[in-house]
Amino acid sequence: MPVMTAQEVMDLIPNRYPICYIDRVEELEPDKRIKAVKNVTINEPFFQGHFP
């Protein structure tokens, strides 16, 4: 179970799609470390034109 969802992350930081690269936070040690996940698919905007 995530520590924070994507919506909770967006409530804390100003970044939004397509710049926000966090789907969920799995682990958090404030002021020390964070483990976050971004699910990536071939449909992401940064892949457009990347592969022939």
PDB file of N, CA and C in Angstrom:
ATOM      1  N   MET A   1       0.844  -1.180   0.000  1.00  0.00           N
ATOM      2  CA  MET A   1       0.000   0.000   0.000  1.00  0.00           C
ATOM      3  C   MET A   1       0.891   1.246   0.000  1.00  0.00           C
ATOM      4  N   PRO A   2       0.607   2.191  -0.899  1.00  0.00           N
ATOM      5  CA  PRO A   2       1.462   3.375  -0.979  1.00  0.00           C
ATOM      6  C   PRO A   2       1.341   4.277   0.248  1.00  0.00           C
ATOM      7  N   VAL A   3       2.441   4.955   0.534  1.00  0.00           N
ATOM      8  CA  VAL A   3       2.444   5.949   1.604  1.00  0.00           C
ATOM      9  C   VAL A   3       1.672   7.178   1.138  1.00  0.00           C
ATOM     10  N   MET A   4       1.841   7.515  -0.152  1.00  0.00           N
ATOM     11  CA  MET A   4       1.139   8.645  -0.760  1.00  0.00           C
ATOM     12  C   MET A   4       0.695   8.259  -2.163  1.00  0.00           C
ATOM     13  N   THR A   5      -0.475   8.716  -2.536  1.00  0.00           N
ATOM     14  CA  THR A   5      -0.973   8.513  -3.895  1.00  0.00           C
ATOM     15  C   THR A   5      -0.512   9.674  -4.772  1.00  0.00           C
ATOM     16  N   ALA A   6      -0.735   9.560  -6.076  1.00  0.00           N
ATOM     17  CA  ALA A   6      -0.375  10.634  -7.003  1.00  0.00           C
ATOM     18  C   ALA A   6      -1.088  11.928  -6.629  1.00  0.00           C
ATOM     19  N   GLN A   7      -2.335  11.847  -6.249  1.00  0.00           N
ATOM     20  CA  GLN A   7      -3.077  13.054  -5.876  1.00  0.00           C
ATOM     21  C   GLN A   7      -2.480  13.707  -4.634  1.00  0.00           C
ATOM     22  N   GLU A   8      -2.091  12.912  -3.661  1.00  0.00           N
ATOM     23  CA  GLU A   8      -1.475  13.459  -2.446  1.00  0.00           C
ATOM     24  C   GLU A   8      -0.130  14.118  -2.762  1.00  0.00           C
ATOM     25  N   VAL A   9       0.623  13.537  -3.698  1.00  0.00           N
ATOM     26  CA  VAL A   9       1.883  14.152  -4.122  1.00  0.00           C
ATOM     27  C   VAL A   9       1.599  15.493  -4.784  1.00  0.00           C
ATOM     28  N   MET A  10       0.612  15.531  -5.682  1.00  0.00           N
ATOM     29  CA  MET A  10       0.274  16.774  -6.379  1.00  0.00           C
ATOM     30  C   MET A  10      -0.247  17.845  -5.432  1.00  0.00           C
ATOM     31  N   ASP A  11      -0.823  17.441  -4.313  1.00  0.00           N
ATOM     32  CA  ASP A  11      -1.259  18.414  -3.314  1.00  0.00           C
ATOM     33  C   ASP A  11      -0.066  19.096  -2.647  1.00  0.00           C
ATOM     34  N   LEU A  12       1.109  18.460  -2.701  1.00  0.00           N
ATOM     35  CA  LEU A  12       2.308  18.986  -2.034  1.00  0.00           C
ATOM     36  C   LEU A  12       3.268  19.729  -2.961  1.00  0.00           C
ATOM     37  N   ILE A  13       3.326  19.334  -4.230  1.00  0.00           N
ATOM     38  CA  ILE A  13       4.283  19.955  -5.150  1.00  0.00           C
ATOM     39  C   ILE A  13       3.546  20.586  -6.331  1.00  0.00           C
ATOM     40  N   PRO A  14       4.172  21.568  -6.998  1.00  0.00           N
ATOM     41  CA  PRO A  14       3.489  22.260  -8.093  1.00  0.00           C
ATOM     42  C   PRO A  14       3.514  21.519  -9.428  1.00  0.00           C
ATOM     43  N   ASN A  15       4.333  20.491  -9.571  1.00  0.00           N
ATOM     44  CA  ASN A  15       4.473  19.803 -10.856  1.00  0.00           C
ATOM     45  C   ASN A  15       3.199  19.055 -11.230  1.00  0.00           C
ATOM     46  N   ARG A  16       2.845  19.145 -12.515  1.00  0.00           N
ATOM     47  CA  ARG A  16       1.677  18.463 -13.057  1.00  0.00           C
ATOM     48  C   ARG A  16       2.073  17.740 -14.335  1.00  0.00           C
ATOM     49  N   TYR A  17       1.171  16.920 -14.856  1.00  0.00           N
ATOM     50  CA  TYR A  17       1.392  16.222 -16.115  1.00  0.00           C
ATOM     51  C   TYR A  17       1.721  17.249 -17.192  1.00  0.00           C
ATOM     52  N   PRO A  18       2.682  17.045 -18.014  1.00  0.00           N
ATOM     53  CA  PRO A  18       3.515  15.867 -18.177  1.00  0.00           C
ATOM     54  C   PRO A  18       4.836  15.934 -17.407  1.00  0.00           C
ATOM     55  N   ILE A  19       4.974  16.856 -16.498  1.00  0.00           N
ATOM     56  CA  ILE A  19       6.232  17.033 -15.767  1.00  0.00           C
ATOM     57  C   ILE A  19       6.296  16.196 -14.492  1.00  0.00           C
ATOM     58  N   CYS A  20       5.174  15.880 -13.886  1.00  0.00           N
ATOM     59  CA  CYS A  20       5.172  15.112 -12.637  1.00  0.00           C
ATOM     60  C   CYS A  20       5.441  13.633 -12.943  1.00  0.00           C
ATOM     61  N   TYR A  21       6.582  13.141 -12.487  1.00  0.00           N
ATOM     62  CA  TYR A  21       6.992  11.767 -12.775  1.00  0.00           C
ATOM     63  C   TYR A  21       6.846  10.859 -11.564  1.00  0.00           C
ATOM     64  N   ILE A  22       5.807  11.071 -10.774  1.00  0.00           N
ATOM     65  CA  ILE A  22       5.567  10.248  -9.585  1.00  0.00           C
ATOM     66  C   ILE A  22       4.130   9.754  -9.627  1.00  0.00           C
ATOM     67  N   ASP A  23       3.939   8.440  -9.594  1.00  0.00           N
ATOM     68  CA  ASP A  23       2.596   7.866  -9.514  1.00  0.00           C
ATOM     69  C   ASP A  23       2.216   7.507  -8.082  1.00  0.00           C
ATOM     70  N   ARG A  24       3.219   7.157  -7.291  1.00  0.00           N
ATOM     71  CA  ARG A  24       2.951   6.876  -5.881  1.00  0.00           C
ATOM     72  C   ARG A  24       4.265   6.872  -5.107  1.00  0.00           C
ATOM     73  N   VAL A  25       4.162   7.112  -3.825  1.00  0.00           N
ATOM     74  CA  VAL A  25       5.313   7.040  -2.929  1.00  0.00           C
ATOM     75  C   VAL A  25       5.152   5.775  -2.105  1.00  0.00           C
ATOM     76  N   GLU A  26       6.152   4.904  -2.146  1.00  0.00           N
ATOM     77  CA  GLU A  26       6.077   3.631  -1.425  1.00  0.00           C
ATOM     78  C   GLU A  26       6.760   3.683  -0.066  1.00  0.00           C
ATOM     79  N   GLU A  27       7.826   4.471   0.042  1.00  0.00           N
ATOM     80  CA  GLU A  27       8.545   4.591   1.312  1.00  0.00           C
ATOM     81  C   GLU A  27       8.955   6.043   1.492  1.00  0.00           C
ATOM     82  N   LEU A  28       8.923   6.509   2.737  1.00  0.00           N
ATOM     83  CA  LEU A  28       9.290   7.894   3.014  1.00  0.00           C
ATOM     84  C   LEU A  28       9.921   8.002   4.389  1.00  0.00           C
ATOM     85  N   GLU A  29      11.132   8.522   4.419  1.00  0.00           N
ATOM     86  CA  GLU A  29      11.808   8.884   5.654  1.00  0.00           C
ATOM     87  C   GLU A  29      12.063  10.380   5.543  1.00  0.00           C
ATOM     88  N   PRO A  30      11.219  11.220   6.155  1.00  0.00           N
ATOM     89  CA  PRO A  30      11.343  12.672   5.991  1.00  0.00           C
ATOM     90  C   PRO A  30      12.772  13.169   6.206  1.00  0.00           C
ATOM     91  N   ASP A  31      13.196  14.040   5.303  1.00  0.00           N
ATOM     92  CA  ASP A  31      14.532  14.652   5.314  1.00  0.00           C
ATOM     93  C   ASP A  31      15.659  13.648   5.097  1.00  0.00           C
ATOM     94  N   LYS A  32      15.341  12.405   4.714  1.00  0.00           N
ATOM     95  CA  LYS A  32      16.385  11.400   4.483  1.00  0.00           C
ATOM     96  C   LYS A  32      16.264  10.745   3.113  1.00  0.00           C
ATOM     97  N   ARG A  33      15.130  10.084   2.849  1.00  0.00           N
ATOM     98  CA  ARG A  33      15.003   9.341   1.598  1.00  0.00           C
ATOM     99  C   ARG A  33      13.540   9.159   1.231  1.00  0.00           C
ATOM    100  N   ILE A  34      13.343   8.849  -0.049  1.00  0.00           N
ATOM    101  CA  ILE A  34      12.001   8.573  -0.555  1.00  0.00           C
ATOM    102  C   ILE A  34      12.122   7.513  -1.653  1.00  0.00           C
ATOM    103  N   LYS A  35      11.156   6.615  -1.705  1.00  0.00           N
ATOM    104  CA  LYS A  35      11.087   5.618  -2.777  1.00  0.00           C
ATOM    105  C   LYS A  35       9.758   5.839  -3.480  1.00  0.00           C
ATOM    106  N   ALA A  36       9.835   6.259  -4.751  1.00  0.00           N
ATOM    107  CA  ALA A  36       8.637   6.569  -5.517  1.00  0.00           C
ATOM    108  C   ALA A  36       8.609   5.724  -6.784  1.00  0.00           C
ATOM    109  N   VAL A  37       7.419   5.590  -7.366  1.00  0.00           N
ATOM    110  CA  VAL A  37       7.220   4.783  -8.566  1.00  0.00           C
ATOM    111  C   VAL A  37       6.550   5.627  -9.639  1.00  0.00           C
ATOM    112  N   LYS A  38       7.037   5.493 -10.873  1.00  0.00           N
ATOM    113  CA  LYS A  38       6.394   6.084 -12.041  1.00  0.00           C
ATOM    114  C   LYS A  38       6.162   4.955 -13.026  1.00  0.00           C
ATOM    115  N   ASN A  39       4.921   4.670 -13.347  1.00  0.00           N
ATOM    116  CA  ASN A  39       4.590   3.658 -14.348  1.00  0.00           C
ATOM    117  C   ASN A  39       4.769   4.280 -15.730  1.00  0.00           C
ATOM    118  N   VAL A  40       5.586   3.658 -16.556  1.00  0.00           N
ATOM    119  CA  VAL A  40       5.917   4.202 -17.870  1.00  0.00           C
ATOM    120  C   VAL A  40       5.343   3.297 -18.954  1.00  0.00           C
ATOM    121  N   THR A  41       4.717   3.924 -19.957  1.00  0.00           N
ATOM    122  CA  THR A  41       4.229   3.196 -21.127  1.00  0.00           C
ATOM    123  C   THR A  41       4.819   3.835 -22.378  1.00  0.00           C
ATOM    124  N   ILE A  42       4.720   3.161 -23.488  1.00  0.00           N
ATOM    125  CA  ILE A  42       5.228   3.683 -24.759  1.00  0.00           C
ATOM    126  C   ILE A  42       4.457   4.929 -25.192  1.00  0.00           C
ATOM    127  N   ASN A  43       3.286   5.182 -24.611  1.00  0.00           N
ATOM    128  CA  ASN A  43       2.464   6.331 -24.977  1.00  0.00           C
ATOM    129  C   ASN A  43       2.880   7.626 -24.284  1.00  0.00           C
ATOM    130  N   GLU A  44       3.908   7.594 -23.446  1.00  0.00           N
ATOM    131  CA  GLU A  44       4.365   8.799 -22.753  1.00  0.00           C
ATOM    132  C   GLU A  44       4.858   9.822 -23.780  1.00  0.00           C
ATOM    133  N   PRO A  45       4.582  11.121 -23.552  1.00  0.00           N
ATOM    134  CA  PRO A  45       4.975  12.155 -24.517  1.00  0.00           C
ATOM    135  C   PRO A  45       6.477  12.183 -24.820  1.00  0.00           C
ATOM    136  N   PHE A  46       7.311  11.852 -23.838  1.00  0.00           N
ATOM    137  CA  PHE A  46       8.753  11.925 -24.078  1.00  0.00           C
ATOM    138  C   PHE A  46       9.258  10.810 -24.979  1.00  0.00           C
ATOM    139  N   PHE A  47       8.426   9.808 -25.293  1.00  0.00           N
ATOM    140  CA  PHE A  47       8.815   8.753 -26.227  1.00  0.00           C
ATOM    141  C   PHE A  47       8.446   9.092 -27.674  1.00  0.00           C
ATOM    142  N   GLN A  48       7.613  10.107 -27.893  1.00  0.00           N
ATOM    143  CA  GLN A  48       7.173  10.453 -29.245  1.00  0.00           C
ATOM    144  C   GLN A  48       8.379  10.818 -30.103  1.00  0.00           C
ATOM    145  N   GLY A  49       8.534  10.134 -31.204  1.00  0.00           N
ATOM    146  CA  GLY A  49       9.634  10.379 -32.114  1.00  0.00           C
ATOM    147  C   GLY A  49      10.958   9.783 -31.663  1.00  0.00           C
ATOM    148  N   HIS A  50      10.980   9.123 -30.528  1.00  0.00           N
ATOM    149  CA  HIS A  50      12.227   8.560 -30.011  1.00  0.00           C
ATOM    150  C   HIS A  50      12.594   7.254 -30.714  1.00  0.00           C
ATOM    151  N   PHE A  51      11.594   6.436 -30.982  1.00  0.00           N
ATOM    152  CA  PHE A  51      11.844   5.141 -31.614  1.00  0.00           C
ATOM    153  C   PHE A  51      11.365   5.170 -33.061  1.00  0.00           C
ATOM    154  N   PRO A  52      12.168   4.621 -33.976  1.00  0.00           N
ATOM    155  CA  PRO A  52      11.755   4.621 -35.397  1.00  0.00           C
ATOM    156  C   PRO A  52      10.593   3.684 -35.661  1.00  0.00           C
TER     157      PRO A  52
END
